[in-house]
């Protein structure tokens, strides 16, 4: 899956179900799991995105009820760094942002 396809998934699934951060199997970096669903489908299917090798995680004004991350977007970067290939951000509320090296979608 390319970043453009991931962006389509994130726009359609903006109801945040969970955020989970775990040390990866090698024990050298953190992976972030983002579970999201379509807001109109309470109890509906959840899409789980795994972001590998997360850095510079920033979370602001989060919680206090249902949190929707509107206009989530992933940008491919040309930084030249192996571990920083993409940037995730919530364009509307700027509540969540981070950098990562790769991703997978379940």
PDB file of N, CA and C in Angstrom:
ATOM      1  N   UNK A   1       0.848  -1.176   0.000  1.00  0.00           N
ATOM      2  CA  UNK A   1       0.000   0.000   0.000  1.00  0.00           C
ATOM      3  C   UNK A   1       0.895   1.240   0.000  1.00  0.00           C
ATOM      4  N   UNK A   2       0.509   2.222  -0.791  1.00  0.00           N
ATOM      5  CA  UNK A   2       1.235   3.489  -0.873  1.00  0.00           C
ATOM      6  C   UNK A   2       0.627   4.506   0.084  1.00  0.00           C
ATOM      7  N   UNK A   3       1.344   5.582   0.333  1.00  0.00           N
ATOM      8  CA  UNK A   3       0.864   6.613   1.254  1.00  0.00           C
ATOM      9  C   UNK A   3      -0.438   7.250   0.770  1.00  0.00           C
ATOM     10  N   UNK A   4      -0.643   7.370  -0.537  1.00  0.00           N
ATOM     11  CA  UNK A   4      -1.897   7.931  -1.059  1.00  0.00           C
ATOM     12  C   UNK A   4      -3.081   7.032  -0.700  1.00  0.00           C
ATOM     13  N   UNK A   5      -2.899   5.723  -0.786  1.00  0.00           N
ATOM     14  CA  UNK A   5      -3.963   4.785  -0.410  1.00  0.00           C
ATOM     15  C   UNK A   5      -4.214   4.830   1.094  1.00  0.00           C
ATOM     16  N   UNK A   6      -3.160   4.957   1.874  1.00  0.00           N
ATOM     17  CA  UNK A   6      -3.319   5.085   3.321  1.00  0.00           C
ATOM     18  C   UNK A   6      -4.101   6.350   3.654  1.00  0.00           C
ATOM     19  N   UNK A   7      -3.828   7.441   2.971  1.00  0.00           N
ATOM     20  CA  UNK A   7      -4.558   8.688   3.203  1.00  0.00           C
ATOM     21  C   UNK A   7      -6.050   8.519   2.943  1.00  0.00           C
ATOM     22  N   UNK A   8      -6.427   7.764   1.927  1.00  0.00           N
ATOM     23  CA  UNK A   8      -7.842   7.489   1.647  1.00  0.00           C
ATOM     24  C   UNK A   8      -8.485   6.718   2.793  1.00  0.00           C
ATOM     25  N   UNK A   9      -7.780   5.743   3.322  1.00  0.00           N
ATOM     26  CA  UNK A   9      -8.286   4.967   4.461  1.00  0.00           C
ATOM     27  C   UNK A   9      -8.462   5.866   5.674  1.00  0.00           C
ATOM     28  N   UNK A  10      -7.496   6.729   5.934  1.00  0.00           N
ATOM     29  CA  UNK A  10      -7.553   7.594   7.108  1.00  0.00           C
ATOM     30  C   UNK A  10      -8.668   8.632   7.016  1.00  0.00           C
ATOM     31  N   UNK A  11      -8.961   9.132   5.832  1.00  0.00           N
ATOM     32  CA  UNK A  11     -10.048  10.095   5.667  1.00  0.00           C
ATOM     33  C   UNK A  11     -11.392   9.420   5.945  1.00  0.00           C
ATOM     34  N   UNK A  12     -11.569   8.203   5.473  1.00  0.00           N
ATOM     35  CA  UNK A  12     -12.835   7.484   5.652  1.00  0.00           C
ATOM     36  C   UNK A  12     -13.029   6.985   7.084  1.00  0.00           C
ATOM     37  N   UNK A  13     -11.948   6.743   7.794  1.00  0.00           N
ATOM     38  CA  UNK A  13     -12.006   6.162   9.144  1.00  0.00           C
ATOM     39  C   UNK A  13     -11.419   7.162  10.138  1.00  0.00           C
ATOM     40  N   UNK A  14     -12.219   8.134  10.572  1.00  0.00           N
ATOM     41  CA  UNK A  14     -11.689   9.190  11.429  1.00  0.00           C
ATOM     42  C   UNK A  14     -12.116   9.089  12.893  1.00  0.00           C
ATOM     43  N   UNK A  15     -12.798   8.019  13.250  1.00  0.00           N
ATOM     44  CA  UNK A  15     -13.185   7.828  14.646  1.00  0.00           C
ATOM     45  C   UNK A  15     -12.099   7.011  15.347  1.00  0.00           C
ATOM     46  N   UNK A  16     -11.384   7.635  16.253  1.00  0.00           N
ATOM     47  CA  UNK A  16     -10.273   6.980  16.939  1.00  0.00           C
ATOM     48  C   UNK A  16     -10.789   5.959  17.943  1.00  0.00           C
ATOM     49  N   UNK A  17     -10.341   4.732  17.837  1.00  0.00           N
ATOM     50  CA  UNK A  17     -10.689   3.672  18.783  1.00  0.00           C
ATOM     51  C   UNK A  17      -9.584   3.462  19.806  1.00  0.00           C
ATOM     52  N   UNK A  18      -8.346   3.438  19.336  1.00  0.00           N
ATOM     53  CA  UNK A  18      -7.229   3.250  20.279  1.00  0.00           C
ATOM     54  C   UNK A  18      -5.914   3.673  19.649  1.00  0.00           C
ATOM     55  N   UNK A  19      -4.999   4.046  20.543  1.00  0.00           N
ATOM     56  CA  UNK A  19      -3.602   4.295  20.180  1.00  0.00           C
ATOM     57  C   UNK A  19      -2.778   3.426  21.121  1.00  0.00           C
ATOM     58  N   UNK A  20      -1.867   2.674  20.558  1.00  0.00           N
ATOM     59  CA  UNK A  20      -1.029   1.786  21.354  1.00  0.00           C
ATOM     60  C   UNK A  20       0.408   1.958  20.885  1.00  0.00           C
ATOM     61  N   UNK A  21       1.312   2.138  21.821  1.00  0.00           N
ATOM     62  CA  UNK A  21       2.724   2.304  21.491  1.00  0.00           C
ATOM     63  C   UNK A  21       3.490   1.165  22.152  1.00  0.00           C
ATOM     64  N   UNK A  22       4.308   0.479  21.360  1.00  0.00           N
ATOM     65  CA  UNK A  22       5.057  -0.664  21.879  1.00  0.00           C
ATOM     66  C   UNK A  22       6.490  -0.627  21.373  1.00  0.00           C
ATOM     67  N   UNK A  23       7.383  -1.117  22.215  1.00  0.00           N
ATOM     68  CA  UNK A  23       8.764  -1.325  21.799  1.00  0.00           C
ATOM     69  C   UNK A  23       8.761  -2.439  20.762  1.00  0.00           C
ATOM     70  N   UNK A  24       9.464  -2.262  19.654  1.00  0.00           N
ATOM     71  CA  UNK A  24       9.434  -3.286  18.606  1.00  0.00           C
ATOM     72  C   UNK A  24      10.176  -4.542  19.024  1.00  0.00           C
ATOM     73  N   UNK A  25      10.094  -5.577  18.190  1.00  0.00           N
ATOM     74  CA  UNK A  25      10.664  -6.883  18.514  1.00  0.00           C
ATOM     75  C   UNK A  25      12.170  -6.845  18.738  1.00  0.00           C
ATOM     76  N   UNK A  26      12.862  -5.943  18.054  1.00  0.00           N
ATOM     77  CA  UNK A  26      14.313  -5.824  18.217  1.00  0.00           C
ATOM     78  C   UNK A  26      14.670  -5.019  19.460  1.00  0.00           C
ATOM     79  N   UNK A  27      13.706  -4.301  20.019  1.00  0.00           N
ATOM     80  CA  UNK A  27      13.952  -3.518  21.226  1.00  0.00           C
ATOM     81  C   UNK A  27      14.749  -2.251  20.990  1.00  0.00           C
ATOM     82  N   UNK A  28      14.688  -1.721  19.775  1.00  0.00           N
ATOM     83  CA  UNK A  28      15.491  -0.534  19.468  1.00  0.00           C
ATOM     84  C   UNK A  28      14.653   0.673  19.029  1.00  0.00           C
ATOM     85  N   UNK A  29      13.354   0.496  18.850  1.00  0.00           N
ATOM     86  CA  UNK A  29      12.495   1.591  18.394  1.00  0.00           C
ATOM     87  C   UNK A  29      11.058   1.298  18.814  1.00  0.00           C
ATOM     88  N   UNK A  30      10.206   2.310  18.697  1.00  0.00           N
ATOM     89  CA  UNK A  30       8.796   2.154  19.053  1.00  0.00           C
ATOM     90  C   UNK A  30       7.932   2.087  17.806  1.00  0.00           C
ATOM     91  N   UNK A  31       6.896   1.241  17.873  1.00  0.00           N
ATOM     92  CA  UNK A  31       5.877   1.170  16.840  1.00  0.00           C
ATOM     93  C   UNK A  31       4.580   1.692  17.432  1.00  0.00           C
ATOM     94  N   UNK A  32       3.806   2.401  16.632  1.00  0.00           N
ATOM     95  CA  UNK A  32       2.539   2.958  17.075  1.00  0.00           C
ATOM     96  C   UNK A  32       1.417   2.281  16.299  1.00  0.00           C
ATOM     97  N   UNK A  33       0.416   1.781  17.027  1.00  0.00           N
ATOM     98  CA  UNK A  33      -0.749   1.148  16.427  1.00  0.00           C
ATOM     99  C   UNK A  33      -1.926   2.101  16.579  1.00  0.00           C
ATOM    100  N   UNK A  34      -2.568   2.419  15.473  1.00  0.00           N
ATOM    101  CA  UNK A  34      -3.706   3.324  15.465  1.00  0.00           C
ATOM    102  C   UNK A  34      -4.909   2.538  14.959  1.00  0.00           C
ATOM    103  N   UNK A  35      -5.935   2.402  15.811  1.00  0.00           N
ATOM    104  CA  UNK A  35      -7.168   1.712  15.422  1.00  0.00           C
ATOM    105  C   UNK A  35      -8.249   2.759  15.202  1.00  0.00           C
ATOM    106  N   UNK A  36      -8.822   2.771  14.012  1.00  0.00           N
ATOM    107  CA  UNK A  36      -9.826   3.763  13.636  1.00  0.00           C
ATOM    108  C   UNK A  36     -11.009   3.075  12.961  1.00  0.00           C
ATOM    109  N   UNK A  37     -12.162   3.754  13.002  1.00  0.00           N
ATOM    110  CA  UNK A  37     -13.353   3.222  12.345  1.00  0.00           C
ATOM    111  C   UNK A  37     -14.141   4.355  11.708  1.00  0.00           C
ATOM    112  N   UNK A  38     -15.168   3.978  10.964  1.00  0.00           N
ATOM    113  CA  UNK A  38     -16.084   4.949  10.379  1.00  0.00           C
ATOM    114  C   UNK A  38     -16.989   5.436  11.504  1.00  0.00           C
ATOM    115  N   UNK A  39     -17.147   6.759  11.693  1.00  0.00           N
ATOM    116  CA  UNK A  39     -17.900   7.261  12.844  1.00  0.00           C
ATOM    117  C   UNK A  39     -19.371   6.875  12.846  1.00  0.00           C
ATOM    118  N   UNK A  40     -19.979   6.678  11.687  1.00  0.00           N
ATOM    119  CA  UNK A  40     -21.390   6.330  11.621  1.00  0.00           C
ATOM    120  C   UNK A  40     -21.663   4.877  11.994  1.00  0.00           C
ATOM    121  N   UNK A  41     -20.634   4.074  12.085  1.00  0.00           N
ATOM    122  CA  UNK A  41     -20.796   2.646  12.337  1.00  0.00           C
ATOM    123  C   UNK A  41     -20.266   2.275  13.717  1.00  0.00           C
ATOM    124  N   UNK A  42     -20.999   2.649  14.762  1.00  0.00           N
ATOM    125  CA  UNK A  42     -20.596   2.265  16.110  1.00  0.00           C
ATOM    126  C   UNK A  42     -20.614   0.739  16.193  1.00  0.00           C
ATOM    127  N   UNK A  43     -19.526   0.175  16.619  1.00  0.00           N
ATOM    128  CA  UNK A  43     -19.405  -1.279  16.660  1.00  0.00           C
ATOM    129  C   UNK A  43     -19.032  -1.882  15.314  1.00  0.00           C
ATOM    130  N   UNK A  44     -18.765  -1.030  14.323  1.00  0.00           N
ATOM    131  CA  UNK A  44     -18.407  -1.504  12.990  1.00  0.00           C
ATOM    132  C   UNK A  44     -16.961  -1.953  12.908  1.00  0.00           C
ATOM    133  N   UNK A  45     -16.546  -2.255  11.721  1.00  0.00           N
ATOM    134  CA  UNK A  45     -15.194  -2.758  11.478  1.00  0.00           C
ATOM    135  C   UNK A  45     -14.149  -1.711  11.834  1.00  0.00           C
ATOM    136  N   UNK A  46     -13.075  -2.185  12.413  1.00  0.00           N
ATOM    137  CA  UNK A  46     -11.964  -1.322  12.818  1.00  0.00           C
ATOM    138  C   UNK A  46     -10.777  -1.598  11.904  1.00  0.00           C
ATOM    139  N   UNK A  47     -10.151  -0.530  11.424  1.00  0.00           N
ATOM    140  CA  UNK A  47      -8.929  -0.632  10.636  1.00  0.00           C
ATOM    141  C   UNK A  47      -7.776  -0.346  11.583  1.00  0.00           C
ATOM    142  N   UNK A  48      -6.760  -1.216  11.548  1.00  0.00           N
ATOM    143  CA  UNK A  48      -5.599  -1.039  12.421  1.00  0.00           C
ATOM    144  C   UNK A  48      -4.367  -0.768  11.565  1.00  0.00           C
ATOM    145  N   UNK A  49      -3.767   0.388  11.814  1.00  0.00           N
ATOM    146  CA  UNK A  49      -2.575   0.795  11.074  1.00  0.00           C
ATOM    147  C   UNK A  49      -1.389   0.728  12.036  1.00  0.00           C
ATOM    148  N   UNK A  50      -0.319   0.104  11.578  1.00  0.00           N
ATOM    149  CA  UNK A  50       0.905   0.024  12.371  1.00  0.00           C
ATOM    150  C   UNK A  50       1.950   0.920  11.729  1.00  0.00           C
ATOM    151  N   UNK A  51       2.447   1.863  12.509  1.00  0.00           N
ATOM    152  CA  UNK A  51       3.499   2.767  12.058  1.00  0.00           C
ATOM    153  C   UNK A  51       4.800   2.320  12.716  1.00  0.00           C
ATOM    154  N   UNK A  52       5.796   2.006  11.914  1.00  0.00           N
ATOM    155  CA  UNK A  52       7.059   1.469  12.400  1.00  0.00           C
ATOM    156  C   UNK A  52       8.065   2.585  12.685  1.00  0.00           C
ATOM    157  N   UNK A  53       8.821   2.397  13.748  1.00  0.00           N
ATOM    158  CA  UNK A  53       9.949   3.269  14.098  1.00  0.00           C
ATOM    159  C   UNK A  53       9.507   4.733  14.254  1.00  0.00           C
ATOM    160  N   UNK A  54       8.582   4.948  15.183  1.00  0.00           N
ATOM    161  CA  UNK A  54       7.995   6.267  15.419  1.00  0.00           C
ATOM    162  C   UNK A  54       8.961   7.158  16.190  1.00  0.00           C
ATOM    163  N   UNK A  55       9.009   8.429  15.791  1.00  0.00           N
ATOM    164  CA  UNK A  55       9.804   9.418  16.514  1.00  0.00           C
ATOM    165  C   UNK A  55       9.054  10.741  16.542  1.00  0.00           C
ATOM    166  N   UNK A  56       9.435  11.599  17.457  1.00  0.00           N
ATOM    167  CA  UNK A  56       8.878  12.942  17.623  1.00  0.00           C
ATOM    168  C   UNK A  56       7.356  12.936  17.747  1.00  0.00           C
ATOM    169  N   UNK A  57       6.837  11.990  18.541  1.00  0.00           N
ATOM    170  CA  UNK A  57       5.397  11.894  18.778  1.00  0.00           C
ATOM    171  C   UNK A  57       4.929  13.089  19.602  1.00  0.00           C
ATOM    172  N   UNK A  58       3.870  13.770  19.114  1.00  0.00           N
ATOM    173  CA  UNK A  58       3.277  14.900  19.831  1.00  0.00           C
ATOM    174  C   UNK A  58       1.762  14.686  19.878  1.00  0.00           C
ATOM    175  N   UNK A  59       1.195  14.748  21.101  1.00  0.00           N
ATOM    176  CA  UNK A  59      -0.253  14.621  21.290  1.00  0.00           C
ATOM    177  C   UNK A  59      -0.703  15.796  22.141  1.00  0.00           C
ATOM    178  N   UNK A  60      -1.713  16.543  21.653  1.00  0.00           N
ATOM    179  CA  UNK A  60      -2.217  17.711  22.374  1.00  0.00           C
ATOM    180  C   UNK A  60      -3.740  17.706  22.386  1.00  0.00           C
ATOM    181  N   UNK A  61      -4.333  18.291  23.434  1.00  0.00           N
ATOM    182  CA  UNK A  61      -5.791  18.459  23.537  1.00  0.00           C
ATOM    183  C   UNK A  61      -6.528  17.181  23.184  1.00  0.00           C
ATOM    184  N   UNK A  62      -6.172  16.110  23.851  1.00  0.00           N
ATOM    185  CA  UNK A  62      -6.696  14.793  23.524  1.00  0.00           C
ATOM    186  C   UNK A  62      -7.597  14.292  24.641  1.00  0.00           C
ATOM    187  N   UNK A  63      -8.696  13.643  24.290  1.00  0.00           N
ATOM    188  CA  UNK A  63      -9.581  13.028  25.274  1.00  0.00           C
ATOM    189  C   UNK A  63     -10.727  13.939  25.654  1.00  0.00           C
ATOM    190  N   UNK A  64     -11.373  13.627  26.787  1.00  0.00           N
ATOM    191  CA  UNK A  64     -12.519  14.405  27.230  1.00  0.00           C
ATOM    192  C   UNK A  64     -13.782  14.041  26.465  1.00  0.00           C
ATOM    193  N   UNK A  65     -13.874  12.831  25.987  1.00  0.00           N
ATOM    194  CA  UNK A  65     -15.000  12.381  25.171  1.00  0.00           C
ATOM    195  C   UNK A  65     -14.474  11.754  23.896  1.00  0.00           C
ATOM    196  N   UNK A  66     -15.380  11.458  22.985  1.00  0.00           N
ATOM    197  CA  UNK A  66     -15.004  10.865  21.710  1.00  0.00           C
ATOM    198  C   UNK A  66     -14.047  11.796  20.973  1.00  0.00           C
ATOM    199  N   UNK A  67     -12.907  11.288  20.579  1.00  0.00           N
ATOM    200  CA  UNK A  67     -11.928  12.081  19.846  1.00  0.00           C
ATOM    201  C   UNK A  67     -11.932  11.644  18.387  1.00  0.00           C
ATOM    202  N   UNK A  68     -12.222  12.579  17.508  1.00  0.00           N
ATOM    203  CA  UNK A  68     -12.121  12.320  16.083  1.00  0.00           C
ATOM    204  C   UNK A  68     -10.880  13.047  15.571  1.00  0.00           C
ATOM    205  N   UNK A  69     -10.109  12.348  14.795  1.00  0.00           N
ATOM    206  CA  UNK A  69      -8.925  12.943  14.176  1.00  0.00           C
ATOM    207  C   UNK A  69      -9.295  13.281  12.742  1.00  0.00           C
ATOM    208  N   UNK A  70      -9.697  14.512  12.539  1.00  0.00           N
ATOM    209  CA  UNK A  70     -10.190  14.931  11.232  1.00  0.00           C
ATOM    210  C   UNK A  70      -9.023  15.254  10.296  1.00  0.00           C
ATOM    211  N   UNK A  71      -9.159  14.802   9.088  1.00  0.00           N
ATOM    212  CA  UNK A  71      -8.172  15.065   8.039  1.00  0.00           C
ATOM    213  C   UNK A  71      -6.791  14.552   8.415  1.00  0.00           C
ATOM    214  N   UNK A  72      -6.741  13.297   8.856  1.00  0.00           N
ATOM    215  CA  UNK A  72      -5.441  12.668   9.088  1.00  0.00           C
ATOM    216  C   UNK A  72      -4.740  12.544   7.743  1.00  0.00           C
ATOM    217  N   UNK A  73      -3.448  12.792   7.748  1.00  0.00           N
ATOM    218  CA  UNK A  73      -2.716  12.805   6.492  1.00  0.00           C
ATOM    219  C   UNK A  73      -1.287  12.309   6.702  1.00  0.00           C
ATOM    220  N   UNK A  74      -0.813  11.543   5.744  1.00  0.00           N
ATOM    221  CA  UNK A  74       0.568  11.060   5.744  1.00  0.00           C
ATOM    222  C   UNK A  74       1.291  11.681   4.551  1.00  0.00           C
ATOM    223  N   UNK A  75       2.414  12.315   4.830  1.00  0.00           N
ATOM    224  CA  UNK A  75       3.252  12.894   3.783  1.00  0.00           C
ATOM    225  C   UNK A  75       4.532  12.086   3.659  1.00  0.00           C
ATOM    226  N   UNK A  76       4.902  11.753   2.423  1.00  0.00           N
ATOM    227  CA  UNK A  76       6.190  11.097   2.179  1.00  0.00           C
ATOM    228  C   UNK A  76       7.248  12.184   2.143  1.00  0.00           C
ATOM    229  N   UNK A  77       8.316  11.967   2.879  1.00  0.00           N
ATOM    230  CA  UNK A  77       9.378  12.966   2.997  1.00  0.00           C
ATOM    231  C   UNK A  77      10.584  12.587   2.149  1.00  0.00           C
ATOM    232  N   UNK A  78      11.330  13.563   1.734  1.00  0.00           N
ATOM    233  CA  UNK A  78      12.584  13.350   1.021  1.00  0.00           C
ATOM    234  C   UNK A  78      13.735  13.870   1.876  1.00  0.00           C
ATOM    235  N   UNK A  79      13.783  13.380   3.131  1.00  0.00           N
ATOM    236  CA  UNK A  79      14.763  13.901   4.077  1.00  0.00           C
ATOM    237  C   UNK A  79      16.143  13.270   3.912  1.00  0.00           C
ATOM    238  N   UNK A  80      16.203  12.104   3.269  1.00  0.00           N
ATOM    239  CA  UNK A  80      17.469  11.417   3.134  1.00  0.00           C
ATOM    240  C   UNK A  80      17.813  10.543   4.331  1.00  0.00           C
ATOM    241  N   UNK A  81      16.973  10.581   5.365  1.00  0.00           N
ATOM    242  CA  UNK A  81      17.192   9.761   6.545  1.00  0.00           C
ATOM    243  C   UNK A  81      16.418   8.453   6.420  1.00  0.00           C
ATOM    244  N   UNK A  82      17.064   7.324   6.727  1.00  0.00           N
ATOM    245  CA  UNK A  82      16.415   6.021   6.604  1.00  0.00           C
ATOM    246  C   UNK A  82      15.241   5.858   7.556  1.00  0.00           C
ATOM    247  N   UNK A  83      15.360   6.396   8.757  1.00  0.00           N
ATOM    248  CA  UNK A  83      14.357   6.146   9.784  1.00  0.00           C
ATOM    249  C   UNK A  83      13.226   7.176   9.766  1.00  0.00           C
ATOM    250  N   UNK A  84      13.346   8.221   8.968  1.00  0.00           N
ATOM    251  CA  UNK A  84      12.302   9.248   8.885  1.00  0.00           C
ATOM    252  C   UNK A  84      11.891   9.375   7.421  1.00  0.00           C
ATOM    253  N   UNK A  85      10.905   8.567   7.033  1.00  0.00           N
ATOM    254  CA  UNK A  85      10.474   8.570   5.639  1.00  0.00           C
ATOM    255  C   UNK A  85       9.101   9.190   5.446  1.00  0.00           C
ATOM    256  N   UNK A  86       8.294   9.265   6.536  1.00  0.00           N
ATOM    257  CA  UNK A  86       6.934   9.786   6.448  1.00  0.00           C
ATOM    258  C   UNK A  86       6.627  10.653   7.670  1.00  0.00           C
ATOM    259  N   UNK A  87       5.611  11.525   7.505  1.00  0.00           N
ATOM    260  CA  UNK A  87       5.099  12.310   8.629  1.00  0.00           C
ATOM    261  C   UNK A  87       3.593  12.141   8.677  1.00  0.00           C
ATOM    262  N   UNK A  88       3.078  11.785   9.855  1.00  0.00           N
ATOM    263  CA  UNK A  88       1.644  11.690  10.104  1.00  0.00           C
ATOM    264  C   UNK A  88       1.205  12.946  10.834  1.00  0.00           C
ATOM    265  N   UNK A  89       0.063  13.527  10.427  1.00  0.00           N
ATOM    266  CA  UNK A  89      -0.469  14.678  11.156  1.00  0.00           C
ATOM    267  C   UNK A  89      -1.982  14.728  11.018  1.00  0.00           C
ATOM    268  N   UNK A  90      -2.594  15.314  12.009  1.00  0.00           N
ATOM    269  CA  UNK A  90      -4.021  15.607  12.023  1.00  0.00           C
ATOM    270  C   UNK A  90      -4.132  17.057  11.572  1.00  0.00           C
ATOM    271  N   UNK A  91      -4.502  17.283  10.328  1.00  0.00           N
ATOM    272  CA  UNK A  91      -4.419  18.614   9.734  1.00  0.00           C
ATOM    273  C   UNK A  91      -5.407  19.606  10.332  1.00  0.00           C
ATOM    274  N   UNK A  92      -6.569  19.144  10.775  1.00  0.00           N
ATOM    275  CA  UNK A  92      -7.569  20.084  11.269  1.00  0.00           C
ATOM    276  C   UNK A  92      -7.290  20.545  12.694  1.00  0.00           C
ATOM    277  N   UNK A  93      -7.163  19.621  13.614  1.00  0.00           N
ATOM    278  CA  UNK A  93      -6.981  19.996  15.009  1.00  0.00           C
ATOM    279  C   UNK A  93      -5.548  20.007  15.479  1.00  0.00           C
ATOM    280  N   UNK A  94      -4.648  19.480  14.658  1.00  0.00           N
ATOM    281  CA  UNK A  94      -3.235  19.344  15.015  1.00  0.00           C
ATOM    282  C   UNK A  94      -3.066  18.714  16.392  1.00  0.00           C
ATOM    283  N   UNK A  95      -3.852  17.661  16.644  1.00  0.00           N
ATOM    284  CA  UNK A  95      -3.796  16.971  17.935  1.00  0.00           C
ATOM    285  C   UNK A  95      -2.683  15.931  18.003  1.00  0.00           C
ATOM    286  N   UNK A  96      -2.418  15.282  16.877  1.00  0.00           N
ATOM    287  CA  UNK A  96      -1.434  14.198  16.861  1.00  0.00           C
ATOM    288  C   UNK A  96      -0.513  14.383  15.663  1.00  0.00           C
ATOM    289  N   UNK A  97       0.783  14.231  15.897  1.00  0.00           N
ATOM    290  CA  UNK A  97       1.745  14.223  14.795  1.00  0.00           C
ATOM    291  C   UNK A  97       2.949  13.385  15.193  1.00  0.00           C
ATOM    292  N   UNK A  98       3.593  12.786  14.203  1.00  0.00           N
ATOM    293  CA  UNK A  98       4.808  12.006  14.438  1.00  0.00           C
ATOM    294  C   UNK A  98       5.455  11.663  13.104  1.00  0.00           C
ATOM    295  N   UNK A  99       6.695  11.220  13.179  1.00  0.00           N
ATOM    296  CA  UNK A  99       7.445  10.735  12.027  1.00  0.00           C
ATOM    297  C   UNK A  99       7.591   9.220  12.148  1.00  0.00           C
ATOM    298  N   UNK A 100       7.739   8.538  11.006  1.00  0.00           N
ATOM    299  CA  UNK A 100       7.894   7.081  11.038  1.00  0.00           C
ATOM    300  C   UNK A 100       8.589   6.612   9.766  1.00  0.00           C
ATOM    301  N   UNK A 101       9.038   5.345   9.795  1.00  0.00           N
ATOM    302  CA  UNK A 101       9.805   4.830   8.659  1.00  0.00           C
ATOM    303  C   UNK A 101       8.969   4.041   7.663  1.00  0.00           C
ATOM    304  N   UNK A 102       7.945   3.321   8.129  1.00  0.00           N
ATOM    305  CA  UNK A 102       7.091   2.546   7.230  1.00  0.00           C
ATOM    306  C   UNK A 102       5.789   2.210   7.953  1.00  0.00           C
ATOM    307  N   UNK A 103       4.868   1.546   7.255  1.00  0.00           N
ATOM    308  CA  UNK A 103       3.565   1.245   7.857  1.00  0.00           C
ATOM    309  C   UNK A 103       2.980  -0.016   7.256  1.00  0.00           C
ATOM    310  N   UNK A 104       1.990  -0.580   7.955  1.00  0.00           N
ATOM    311  CA  UNK A 104       1.189  -1.681   7.438  1.00  0.00           C
ATOM    312  C   UNK A 104      -0.245  -1.459   7.890  1.00  0.00           C
ATOM    313  N   UNK A 105      -1.208  -2.024   7.139  1.00  0.00           N
ATOM    314  CA  UNK A 105      -2.625  -1.857   7.433  1.00  0.00           C
ATOM    315  C   UNK A 105      -3.261  -3.225   7.547  1.00  0.00           C
ATOM    316  N   UNK A 106      -4.030  -3.425   8.628  1.00  0.00           N
ATOM    317  CA  UNK A 106      -4.781  -4.681   8.820  1.00  0.00           C
ATOM    318  C   UNK A 106      -6.261  -4.419   8.659  1.00  0.00           C
TER     319      UNK A 106
END
